[in-house]
């Protein structure tokens, strides 16, 4: 465990790469368009999370079907997409079937963390160099739920932040050095289907709520602040991601193709071009600083880029 944690020493370098990749955006978000990429090697179901590694790679879970998905042989599927070659590579399967509200996050230069979701408290770490998974500590006395879980690494430091979802307001963090969890001040509203959290630069973590409220947590002074309300309620397949610069992007899920941009400095939302297909359970988006990559979920292998 401590051997992999030493990789966090490179975290500041990854953060610099993220920011550097966002300094020269060639396309205004209102002028960007959707383009089809190579399909994922697996159909994508509930929990089909993605993670950008700060370089040329996007890592992705296949996720699990609605119920009774244990019968599928590929439910532990995990793959890497190479941005420069537009190709996918299958990697070592996860230790457990990722399900509803599975999440991926990490510093890019070290392990990738997976919150399994689907009612499991399991947190996994993927070693990129060894192509292998390990099981980390569970949050004692707490329970991750079936929907609305989310996990995020905020660009630096020794903590991952998480919400438990399923109608709760629980907010907690995981210490990667100590391999231990602790509870924090709760989100001021509940999180459920499609709700999500995302790093927003600096000391800020943003969270959507079940009542369309939108919240910002400053982990420097440990306070929550309400922001401009979300454009509509999030549902299964809803997701937030940070572009590494000044904006968050959001899909609402629930069978809708909407894509939204939130300007952090202006505290304002704007709607962008609809995706070519609707976002269902298992949908996810991720940014590499220059573009937004999306999978629609709902059993589809489709993979899209917005740039």
Protein backbone atom coordinates (compact mmCIF):
# COMPACT_ATOMS: atom_id res chain seq x y z
CA UNK A 1 0.00 0.00 0.00
CA UNK A 2 2.67 2.50 1.02
CA UNK A 3 4.69 1.58 -2.06
CA UNK A 4 1.89 2.75 -4.34
CA UNK A 5 1.21 5.79 -2.19
CA UNK A 6 4.68 7.14 -2.95
CA UNK A 7 3.42 7.88 -6.41
CA UNK A 8 1.41 10.74 -4.95
CA UNK A 9 4.64 12.71 -4.78
CA UNK A 10 4.14 13.32 -8.50
CA UNK A 11 0.64 14.69 -7.96
CA UNK A 12 1.63 18.33 -8.35
CA UNK A 13 3.20 17.50 -11.71
CA UNK A 14 -0.07 15.98 -12.91
CA UNK A 15 -2.04 19.02 -11.76
CA UNK A 16 0.36 21.21 -13.75
CA UNK A 17 -0.17 19.04 -16.82
CA UNK A 18 -3.92 19.34 -16.46
CA UNK A 19 -3.76 23.11 -16.26
CA UNK A 20 -1.22 23.37 -19.06
CA UNK A 21 -3.49 21.30 -21.29
CA UNK A 22 -6.30 23.79 -20.77
CA UNK A 23 -4.51 27.06 -21.40
CA UNK A 24 -5.06 27.12 -25.15
CA UNK A 25 -8.58 26.01 -25.96
CA UNK A 26 -8.99 26.20 -29.71
CA UNK A 27 -12.77 25.82 -29.69
CA UNK A 28 -15.34 27.90 -27.85
CA UNK A 29 -17.81 25.55 -26.08
CA UNK A 30 -20.69 27.07 -28.05
CA UNK A 31 -18.89 26.22 -31.31
CA UNK A 32 -17.86 22.69 -30.37
CA UNK A 33 -19.50 19.67 -31.99
CA UNK A 34 -19.93 15.97 -31.23
CA UNK A 35 -17.81 13.43 -33.07
CA UNK A 36 -17.94 9.63 -32.95
CA UNK A 37 -14.89 7.70 -31.70
CA UNK A 38 -14.03 3.99 -31.61
CA UNK A 39 -16.63 2.06 -29.63
CA UNK A 40 -15.73 0.79 -26.18
CA UNK A 41 -14.71 -2.91 -26.16
CA UNK A 42 -17.65 -3.58 -23.81
CA UNK A 43 -21.26 -2.55 -23.69
CA UNK A 44 -21.53 0.04 -20.92
CA UNK A 45 -24.01 -0.46 -18.09
CA UNK A 46 -24.68 0.94 -14.62
CA UNK A 47 -21.46 2.24 -13.08
CA UNK A 48 -19.58 2.82 -16.33
CA UNK A 49 -17.25 5.46 -14.84
CA UNK A 50 -14.26 7.03 -16.63
CA UNK A 51 -11.01 8.72 -15.53
CA UNK A 52 -8.40 10.77 -17.44
CA UNK A 53 -4.81 10.06 -16.39
CA UNK A 54 -3.40 13.50 -17.18
CA UNK A 55 -1.79 12.28 -20.40
CA UNK A 56 -2.96 10.17 -23.32
CA UNK A 57 -5.13 7.71 -21.44
CA UNK A 58 -8.77 7.48 -20.37
CA UNK A 59 -9.61 4.53 -18.12
CA UNK A 60 -13.13 3.13 -18.09
CA UNK A 61 -15.27 0.60 -16.26
CA UNK A 62 -17.78 -1.51 -18.12
CA UNK A 63 -20.18 -1.33 -15.20
CA UNK A 64 -23.01 -3.66 -14.33
CA UNK A 65 -26.56 -4.19 -15.54
CA UNK A 66 -29.62 -3.25 -13.52
CA UNK A 67 -30.21 -6.42 -11.50
CA UNK A 68 -28.89 -9.96 -11.63
CA UNK A 69 -25.84 -8.91 -13.61
CA UNK A 70 -23.56 -11.48 -11.95
CA UNK A 71 -24.46 -13.85 -14.78
CA UNK A 72 -22.53 -11.74 -17.29
CA UNK A 73 -18.90 -12.79 -17.70
CA UNK A 74 -17.68 -9.30 -18.59
CA UNK A 75 -19.18 -7.30 -15.73
CA UNK A 76 -15.69 -6.68 -14.25
CA UNK A 77 -14.43 -5.27 -17.55
CA UNK A 78 -11.84 -2.47 -17.39
CA UNK A 79 -10.14 -0.80 -20.35
CA UNK A 80 -7.88 2.08 -21.41
CA UNK A 81 -8.59 4.41 -24.32
CA UNK A 82 -5.59 6.01 -26.05
CA UNK A 83 -6.51 9.51 -27.20
CA UNK A 84 -3.74 9.75 -29.81
CA UNK A 85 -4.55 6.44 -31.53
CA UNK A 86 -8.33 6.33 -30.97
CA UNK A 87 -8.00 2.75 -29.74
CA UNK A 88 -8.91 0.68 -26.69
CA UNK A 89 -6.92 -1.88 -24.68
CA UNK A 90 -8.49 -4.34 -22.23
CA UNK A 91 -6.85 -4.36 -18.79
CA UNK A 92 -7.03 -6.55 -15.69
CA UNK A 93 -10.60 -7.05 -14.53
CA UNK A 94 -11.71 -5.43 -11.29
CA UNK A 95 -11.88 -7.55 -8.12
CA UNK A 96 -15.62 -6.99 -7.82
CA UNK A 97 -18.46 -6.16 -10.18
CA UNK A 98 -18.73 -2.36 -10.29
CA UNK A 99 -22.36 -1.39 -10.20
CA UNK A 100 -24.67 1.54 -9.69
CA UNK A 101 -22.67 4.70 -8.97
CA UNK A 102 -19.19 3.22 -9.33
CA UNK A 103 -16.51 5.94 -9.54
CA UNK A 104 -12.91 6.24 -10.74
CA UNK A 105 -10.42 8.89 -9.62
CA UNK A 106 -6.78 9.45 -8.77
CA UNK A 107 -3.73 11.67 -9.23
CA UNK A 108 -2.88 10.29 -12.67
CA UNK A 109 0.72 9.65 -11.65
CA UNK A 110 -0.18 6.96 -9.14
CA UNK A 111 -2.90 4.42 -8.47
CA UNK A 112 -6.41 4.77 -9.85
CA UNK A 113 -9.06 4.43 -7.17
CA UNK A 114 -12.40 2.73 -7.76
CA UNK A 115 -15.39 3.06 -5.48
CA UNK A 116 -17.28 -0.08 -6.41
CA UNK A 117 -20.81 1.18 -5.74
CA UNK A 118 -23.87 -1.06 -5.91
CA UNK A 119 -24.25 -1.09 -2.13
CA UNK A 120 -20.64 -2.15 -1.51
CA UNK A 121 -18.22 -0.34 0.80
CA UNK A 122 -15.24 -1.62 -1.17
CA UNK A 123 -12.60 0.81 -2.38
CA UNK A 124 -10.11 -0.63 -4.86
CA UNK A 125 -6.76 0.63 -6.13
CA UNK A 126 -5.46 -0.14 -9.62
CA UNK A 127 -1.68 -0.20 -10.12
CA UNK A 128 -1.08 1.03 -13.66
CA UNK A 129 2.44 -0.39 -13.89
CA UNK A 130 1.52 -3.86 -12.66
CA UNK A 131 -1.95 -3.96 -14.24
CA UNK A 132 -3.35 -5.26 -10.96
CA UNK A 133 -5.98 -4.42 -8.36
CA UNK A 134 -5.85 -4.34 -4.54
CA UNK A 135 -8.51 -3.89 -1.87
CA UNK A 136 -8.27 -0.89 0.50
CA UNK A 137 -9.90 -0.04 3.83
CA UNK A 138 -13.68 0.14 4.19
CA UNK A 139 -15.32 3.05 6.03
CA UNK A 140 -16.19 1.54 9.40
CA UNK A 141 -19.71 2.26 10.61
CA UNK A 142 -20.70 3.81 7.26
CA UNK A 143 -22.35 2.39 4.19
CA UNK A 144 -22.07 3.30 0.53
CA UNK A 145 -25.41 2.95 -1.19
CA UNK A 146 -26.74 1.83 -4.55
CA UNK A 147 -27.11 5.20 -6.24
CA UNK A 148 -25.58 8.66 -6.07
CA UNK A 149 -22.15 7.55 -4.83
CA UNK A 150 -19.23 9.57 -6.12
CA UNK A 151 -15.49 9.80 -5.44
CA UNK A 152 -13.05 12.55 -6.43
CA UNK A 153 -9.37 13.43 -6.02
CA UNK A 154 -9.07 17.23 -5.81
CA UNK A 155 -5.92 17.80 -7.82
CA UNK A 156 -3.49 17.43 -4.91
CA UNK A 157 -3.00 16.31 -1.33
CA UNK A 158 -3.55 13.01 0.46
CA UNK A 159 -7.35 12.84 0.44
CA UNK A 160 -10.12 11.53 -1.77
CA UNK A 161 -13.60 12.97 -1.16
CA UNK A 162 -16.81 10.97 -1.43
CA UNK A 163 -20.57 11.14 -1.05
CA UNK A 164 -22.71 8.11 -0.20
CA UNK A 165 -25.87 8.95 -2.12
CA UNK A 166 -29.17 7.02 -1.97
CA UNK A 167 -31.01 9.86 -0.26
CA UNK A 168 -28.29 10.68 2.29
CA UNK A 169 -26.24 13.83 2.82
CA UNK A 170 -23.13 11.99 4.03
CA UNK A 171 -19.77 13.44 2.99
CA UNK A 172 -16.45 11.84 3.87
CA UNK A 173 -12.83 11.61 2.88
CA UNK A 174 -10.27 8.86 2.48
CA UNK A 175 -6.66 9.37 3.59
CA UNK A 176 -4.52 7.60 0.98
CA UNK A 177 -1.47 7.59 3.23
CA UNK A 178 -3.20 6.19 6.33
CA UNK A 179 -5.65 3.98 4.38
CA UNK A 180 -8.48 5.31 6.56
CA UNK A 181 -11.83 7.12 6.25
CA UNK A 182 -13.38 9.97 8.25
CA UNK A 183 -16.71 11.78 8.16
CA UNK A 184 -16.93 15.49 7.29
CA UNK A 185 -19.70 18.07 7.54
CA UNK A 186 -22.63 16.77 5.47
CA UNK A 187 -23.73 18.16 2.13
CA UNK A 188 -26.55 20.67 2.83
CA UNK A 189 -28.94 18.55 0.76
CA UNK A 190 -29.39 14.88 -0.07
CA UNK A 191 -27.76 13.15 -3.03
CA UNK A 192 -29.46 10.41 -5.01
CA UNK A 193 -29.82 9.08 -8.57
CA UNK A 194 -27.44 10.81 -10.97
CA UNK A 195 -26.03 13.19 -8.38
CA UNK A 196 -22.29 13.69 -8.53
CA UNK A 197 -19.28 15.55 -7.15
CA UNK A 198 -16.31 17.02 -8.99
CA UNK A 199 -13.15 18.92 -8.23
CA UNK A 200 -13.39 22.55 -9.38
CA UNK A 201 -9.78 23.70 -8.99
CA UNK A 202 -7.99 24.98 -5.90
CA UNK A 203 -9.65 23.84 -2.69
CA UNK A 204 -13.11 23.48 -4.22
CA UNK A 205 -15.31 20.41 -4.60
CA UNK A 206 -18.78 20.79 -6.18
CA UNK A 207 -21.84 18.63 -5.54
CA UNK A 208 -25.26 18.39 -7.15
CA UNK A 209 -28.35 17.68 -5.02
CA UNK A 210 -31.68 15.93 -5.46
CA UNK A 211 -33.57 19.26 -5.36
CA UNK A 212 -31.52 20.91 -8.18
CA UNK A 213 -29.45 22.82 -5.61
CA UNK A 214 -25.74 23.06 -6.36
CA UNK A 215 -23.10 23.29 -3.64
CA UNK A 216 -19.43 24.13 -3.35
CA UNK A 217 -17.26 22.74 -0.55
CA UNK A 218 -14.05 24.60 0.31
CA UNK A 219 -11.90 21.98 2.01
CA UNK A 220 -9.46 24.71 3.04
CA UNK A 221 -11.95 26.31 5.43
CA UNK A 222 -14.34 23.31 5.52
CA UNK A 223 -17.49 25.22 4.53
CA UNK A 224 -20.34 24.62 2.08
CA UNK A 225 -21.70 27.47 -0.10
CA UNK A 226 -24.80 27.32 -2.30
CA UNK A 227 -24.29 28.17 -5.98
CA UNK A 228 -26.58 28.80 -8.95
CA UNK A 229 -29.15 26.02 -9.18
CA UNK A 230 -28.63 23.21 -11.66
CA UNK A 231 -30.61 23.59 -14.91
CA UNK A 232 -32.80 20.60 -14.04
CA UNK A 233 -32.85 17.54 -11.81
CA UNK A 234 -30.20 14.88 -12.32
CA UNK A 235 -31.24 11.27 -12.90
CA UNK A 236 -29.57 7.91 -13.57
CA UNK A 237 -26.57 8.59 -15.82
CA UNK A 238 -26.02 12.14 -14.55
CA UNK A 239 -22.39 13.19 -14.22
CA UNK A 240 -20.09 16.16 -13.54
CA UNK A 241 -16.51 16.70 -14.72
CA UNK A 242 -13.94 19.51 -14.42
CA UNK A 243 -12.04 20.78 -17.46
CA UNK A 244 -8.96 21.66 -15.39
CA UNK A 245 -9.39 25.37 -16.09
CA UNK A 246 -12.54 27.32 -15.32
CA UNK A 247 -15.57 25.16 -16.06
CA UNK A 248 -17.55 22.13 -15.00
CA UNK A 249 -19.50 20.11 -17.56
CA UNK A 250 -22.62 18.15 -16.74
CA UNK A 251 -24.94 15.59 -18.27
CA UNK A 252 -28.32 15.16 -16.58
CA UNK A 253 -28.99 11.52 -17.45
CA UNK A 254 -32.48 10.09 -17.31
CA UNK A 255 -32.69 9.53 -21.06
CA UNK A 256 -31.84 13.12 -21.94
CA UNK A 257 -29.07 14.20 -24.37
CA UNK A 258 -28.41 17.54 -22.62
CA UNK A 259 -24.87 18.82 -22.11
CA UNK A 260 -24.33 21.81 -19.83
CA UNK A 261 -21.37 24.00 -18.90
CA UNK A 262 -21.00 25.70 -15.52
CA UNK A 263 -18.71 28.75 -15.39
CA UNK A 264 -17.11 28.64 -11.94
CA UNK A 265 -16.11 32.30 -11.77
CA UNK A 266 -19.44 33.58 -13.13
CA UNK A 267 -21.56 31.07 -11.17
CA UNK A 268 -23.70 30.52 -14.26
CA UNK A 269 -24.93 27.61 -16.41
CA UNK A 270 -25.22 27.50 -20.20
CA UNK A 271 -26.61 24.77 -22.43
CA UNK A 272 -24.43 23.37 -25.20
CA UNK A 273 -25.20 21.18 -28.20
CA UNK A 274 -27.16 18.04 -27.35
CA UNK A 275 -25.30 14.74 -27.64
CA UNK A 276 -26.20 12.47 -30.61
CA UNK A 277 -27.74 9.97 -28.19
CA UNK A 278 -29.43 10.11 -24.80
CA UNK A 279 -27.57 9.51 -21.54
CA UNK A 280 -28.89 6.54 -19.57
CA UNK A 281 -27.79 4.67 -16.45
CA UNK A 282 -24.03 4.07 -16.66
CA UNK A 283 -23.31 7.19 -18.70
CA UNK A 284 -20.21 9.22 -17.84
CA UNK A 285 -18.19 12.16 -19.12
CA UNK A 286 -14.56 13.14 -18.59
CA UNK A 287 -12.37 16.01 -19.81
CA UNK A 288 -8.73 16.02 -20.86
CA UNK A 289 -8.67 19.83 -20.81
CA UNK A 290 -9.31 20.18 -24.55
CA UNK A 291 -12.41 18.07 -25.10
CA UNK A 292 -15.24 16.25 -23.34
CA UNK A 293 -15.40 12.48 -23.78
CA UNK A 294 -18.71 10.71 -23.20
CA UNK A 295 -20.25 7.26 -23.09
CA UNK A 296 -24.07 7.15 -23.12
CA UNK A 297 -24.50 4.04 -20.95
CA UNK A 298 -27.72 2.05 -21.16
CA UNK A 299 -25.89 -0.97 -22.63
CA UNK A 300 -24.33 0.96 -25.52
CA UNK A 301 -20.61 0.70 -26.45
CA UNK A 302 -20.69 4.11 -28.18
CA UNK A 303 -17.95 6.62 -27.40
CA UNK A 304 -18.14 10.30 -28.30
CA UNK A 305 -16.02 13.42 -28.06
CA UNK A 306 -17.25 17.01 -27.84
CA UNK A 307 -14.68 19.51 -29.14
